[in-house]
Amino acid sequence: SALFNFQSLLLVILLLICTCTYVRAVAPRLIDRNKEGFLGLFWMSARIGERLSPYVALACVTMAITLLVQ
């Protein structure tokens, strides 16, 4: 389960950030209309992906190398 394994939890968070950023780039209305509440988590993930994109990309590459080496 992703909740009990730290590496899997990081992978899920990275995939969430990347997916939300992509969806916001393609269809901004889907993400921007829900800025509050539980669905605001997707908006915040998209903002993190946009503002910290070099670091998110570096984290994705690092995670990919880690998974390939194991």
N, C-alpha and C. Protein backbone atom coordinates (compact mmCIF):
# COMPACT_ATOMS: atom_id res chain seq x y z
N SER A 1 0.84 -1.18 0.00
CA SER A 1 0.00 0.00 0.00
C SER A 1 0.88 1.24 0.00
N ALA A 2 0.43 2.28 -0.67
CA ALA A 2 1.22 3.50 -0.80
C ALA A 2 1.30 4.29 0.50
N LEU A 3 0.41 4.04 1.42
CA LEU A 3 0.42 4.79 2.68
C LEU A 3 1.51 4.31 3.63
N PHE A 4 1.89 3.05 3.53
CA PHE A 4 2.85 2.49 4.46
C PHE A 4 4.26 2.43 3.92
N ASN A 5 4.43 2.63 2.65
CA ASN A 5 5.75 2.62 2.02
C ASN A 5 6.08 4.05 1.59
N PHE A 6 7.13 4.62 2.15
CA PHE A 6 7.46 6.02 1.90
C PHE A 6 7.78 6.28 0.43
N GLN A 7 8.48 5.38 -0.21
CA GLN A 7 8.81 5.56 -1.62
C GLN A 7 7.56 5.55 -2.49
N SER A 8 6.63 4.68 -2.19
CA SER A 8 5.38 4.65 -2.95
C SER A 8 4.54 5.90 -2.70
N LEU A 9 4.57 6.40 -1.47
CA LEU A 9 3.85 7.64 -1.17
C LEU A 9 4.43 8.81 -1.96
N LEU A 10 5.76 8.89 -2.02
CA LEU A 10 6.38 9.94 -2.82
C LEU A 10 6.03 9.82 -4.30
N LEU A 11 5.98 8.60 -4.79
CA LEU A 11 5.62 8.37 -6.19
C LEU A 11 4.19 8.83 -6.47
N VAL A 12 3.28 8.52 -5.58
CA VAL A 12 1.89 8.94 -5.75
C VAL A 12 1.78 10.47 -5.73
N ILE A 13 2.50 11.11 -4.83
CA ILE A 13 2.47 12.58 -4.75
C ILE A 13 3.05 13.20 -6.02
N LEU A 14 4.15 12.66 -6.51
CA LEU A 14 4.74 13.17 -7.75
C LEU A 14 3.80 12.99 -8.94
N LEU A 15 3.17 11.84 -9.03
CA LEU A 15 2.22 11.60 -10.12
C LEU A 15 1.01 12.53 -10.02
N LEU A 16 0.56 12.80 -8.81
CA LEU A 16 -0.56 13.73 -8.61
C LEU A 16 -0.18 15.13 -9.07
N ILE A 17 1.02 15.59 -8.69
CA ILE A 17 1.47 16.92 -9.09
C ILE A 17 1.61 17.02 -10.60
N CYS A 18 2.23 16.03 -11.22
CA CYS A 18 2.43 16.06 -12.68
C CYS A 18 1.11 15.98 -13.43
N THR A 19 0.20 15.14 -12.96
CA THR A 19 -1.09 15.00 -13.63
C THR A 19 -1.91 16.28 -13.51
N CYS A 20 -1.96 16.87 -12.34
CA CYS A 20 -2.74 18.10 -12.15
C CYS A 20 -2.16 19.25 -12.97
N THR A 21 -0.84 19.32 -13.05
CA THR A 21 -0.21 20.37 -13.85
C THR A 21 -0.54 20.20 -15.33
N TYR A 22 -0.52 18.96 -15.80
CA TYR A 22 -0.86 18.70 -17.21
C TYR A 22 -2.33 19.02 -17.50
N VAL A 23 -3.22 18.59 -16.62
CA VAL A 23 -4.65 18.85 -16.82
C VAL A 23 -4.91 20.35 -16.80
N ARG A 24 -4.24 21.09 -15.93
CA ARG A 24 -4.45 22.54 -15.88
C ARG A 24 -3.92 23.20 -17.15
N ALA A 25 -2.86 22.67 -17.74
CA ALA A 25 -2.34 23.25 -18.98
C ALA A 25 -3.28 22.98 -20.15
N VAL A 26 -3.93 21.81 -20.15
CA VAL A 26 -4.81 21.43 -21.25
C VAL A 26 -6.21 22.03 -21.08
N ALA A 27 -6.75 21.92 -19.87
CA ALA A 27 -8.11 22.40 -19.59
C ALA A 27 -8.12 23.13 -18.25
N PRO A 28 -7.76 24.40 -18.25
CA PRO A 28 -7.63 25.13 -16.99
C PRO A 28 -8.92 25.23 -16.17
N ARG A 29 -10.06 25.21 -16.83
CA ARG A 29 -11.32 25.34 -16.09
C ARG A 29 -11.58 24.18 -15.15
N LEU A 30 -11.11 23.01 -15.50
CA LEU A 30 -11.33 21.84 -14.64
C LEU A 30 -10.65 22.01 -13.28
N ILE A 31 -9.49 22.60 -13.28
CA ILE A 31 -8.72 22.75 -12.04
C ILE A 31 -9.07 24.06 -11.33
N ASP A 32 -9.23 25.14 -12.09
CA ASP A 32 -9.38 26.46 -11.48
C ASP A 32 -10.73 26.69 -10.81
N ARG A 33 -11.74 25.92 -11.15
CA ARG A 33 -13.05 26.18 -10.54
C ARG A 33 -13.15 25.64 -9.11
N ASN A 34 -12.25 24.78 -8.71
CA ASN A 34 -12.26 24.21 -7.37
C ASN A 34 -11.00 24.62 -6.62
N LYS A 35 -11.02 25.81 -6.05
CA LYS A 35 -9.83 26.29 -5.33
C LYS A 35 -9.94 26.07 -3.83
N GLU A 36 -11.10 25.67 -3.36
CA GLU A 36 -11.30 25.48 -1.92
C GLU A 36 -11.86 24.09 -1.67
N GLY A 37 -11.72 23.64 -0.45
CA GLY A 37 -12.24 22.34 -0.07
C GLY A 37 -11.31 21.21 -0.47
N PHE A 38 -11.86 20.00 -0.49
CA PHE A 38 -11.04 18.83 -0.81
C PHE A 38 -10.51 18.88 -2.24
N LEU A 39 -11.32 19.34 -3.18
CA LEU A 39 -10.86 19.41 -4.57
C LEU A 39 -9.83 20.51 -4.79
N GLY A 40 -9.66 21.40 -3.80
CA GLY A 40 -8.61 22.41 -3.86
C GLY A 40 -7.22 21.79 -3.81
N LEU A 41 -7.14 20.55 -3.34
CA LEU A 41 -5.88 19.83 -3.33
C LEU A 41 -5.32 19.68 -4.75
N PHE A 42 -6.19 19.47 -5.72
CA PHE A 42 -5.75 19.35 -7.11
C PHE A 42 -5.25 20.70 -7.64
N TRP A 43 -5.92 21.79 -7.24
CA TRP A 43 -5.48 23.12 -7.65
C TRP A 43 -4.11 23.43 -7.05
N MET A 44 -3.94 23.10 -5.76
CA MET A 44 -2.64 23.33 -5.12
C MET A 44 -1.55 22.49 -5.75
N SER A 45 -1.87 21.26 -6.12
CA SER A 45 -0.88 20.40 -6.78
C SER A 45 -0.47 20.98 -8.13
N ALA A 46 -1.44 21.53 -8.86
CA ALA A 46 -1.12 22.14 -10.15
C ALA A 46 -0.24 23.38 -9.97
N ARG A 47 -0.51 24.16 -8.94
CA ARG A 47 0.31 25.34 -8.67
C ARG A 47 1.74 24.96 -8.29
N ILE A 48 1.88 23.91 -7.49
CA ILE A 48 3.21 23.43 -7.13
C ILE A 48 3.95 22.97 -8.38
N GLY A 49 3.28 22.25 -9.26
CA GLY A 49 3.89 21.78 -10.49
C GLY A 49 4.31 22.90 -11.41
N GLU A 50 3.52 23.98 -11.43
CA GLU A 50 3.87 25.11 -12.29
C GLU A 50 5.03 25.91 -11.73
N ARG A 51 5.00 26.18 -10.45
CA ARG A 51 6.00 27.06 -9.85
C ARG A 51 7.33 26.36 -9.58
N LEU A 52 7.28 25.10 -9.26
CA LEU A 52 8.50 24.36 -8.93
C LEU A 52 8.82 23.31 -10.00
N SER A 53 8.52 23.59 -11.25
CA SER A 53 8.66 22.59 -12.30
C SER A 53 10.07 22.02 -12.44
N PRO A 54 11.15 22.79 -12.32
CA PRO A 54 12.48 22.17 -12.42
C PRO A 54 12.74 21.16 -11.30
N TYR A 55 12.28 21.48 -10.11
CA TYR A 55 12.49 20.58 -8.97
C TYR A 55 11.60 19.35 -9.07
N VAL A 56 10.38 19.52 -9.56
CA VAL A 56 9.49 18.39 -9.76
C VAL A 56 10.05 17.47 -10.84
N ALA A 57 10.57 18.05 -11.90
CA ALA A 57 11.17 17.24 -12.97
C ALA A 57 12.39 16.48 -12.45
N LEU A 58 13.21 17.13 -11.66
CA LEU A 58 14.37 16.47 -11.06
C LEU A 58 13.94 15.34 -10.12
N ALA A 59 12.89 15.57 -9.37
CA ALA A 59 12.37 14.52 -8.48
C ALA A 59 11.83 13.34 -9.28
N CYS A 60 11.17 13.62 -10.41
CA CYS A 60 10.65 12.53 -11.26
C CYS A 60 11.79 11.71 -11.86
N VAL A 61 12.83 12.38 -12.32
CA VAL A 61 13.99 11.66 -12.89
C VAL A 61 14.68 10.84 -11.81
N THR A 62 14.83 11.42 -10.64
CA THR A 62 15.45 10.69 -9.52
C THR A 62 14.63 9.46 -9.14
N MET A 63 13.31 9.63 -9.10
CA MET A 63 12.44 8.50 -8.75
C MET A 63 12.51 7.42 -9.83
N ALA A 64 12.58 7.82 -11.09
CA ALA A 64 12.67 6.84 -12.18
C ALA A 64 13.97 6.05 -12.09
N ILE A 65 15.07 6.73 -11.83
CA ILE A 65 16.36 6.03 -11.69
C ILE A 65 16.34 5.10 -10.50
N THR A 66 15.76 5.55 -9.41
CA THR A 66 15.67 4.71 -8.21
C THR A 66 14.86 3.44 -8.48
N LEU A 67 13.75 3.59 -9.20
CA LEU A 67 12.92 2.43 -9.50
C LEU A 67 13.59 1.47 -10.47
N LEU A 68 14.37 2.02 -11.40
CA LEU A 68 15.07 1.16 -12.36
C LEU A 68 16.22 0.39 -11.71
N VAL A 69 16.88 1.00 -10.76
CA VAL A 69 18.02 0.37 -10.10
C VAL A 69 17.56 -0.75 -9.18
N GLN A 70 16.41 -0.60 -8.57
CA GLN A 70 15.94 -1.64 -7.62
C GLN A 70 15.64 -2.93 -8.28
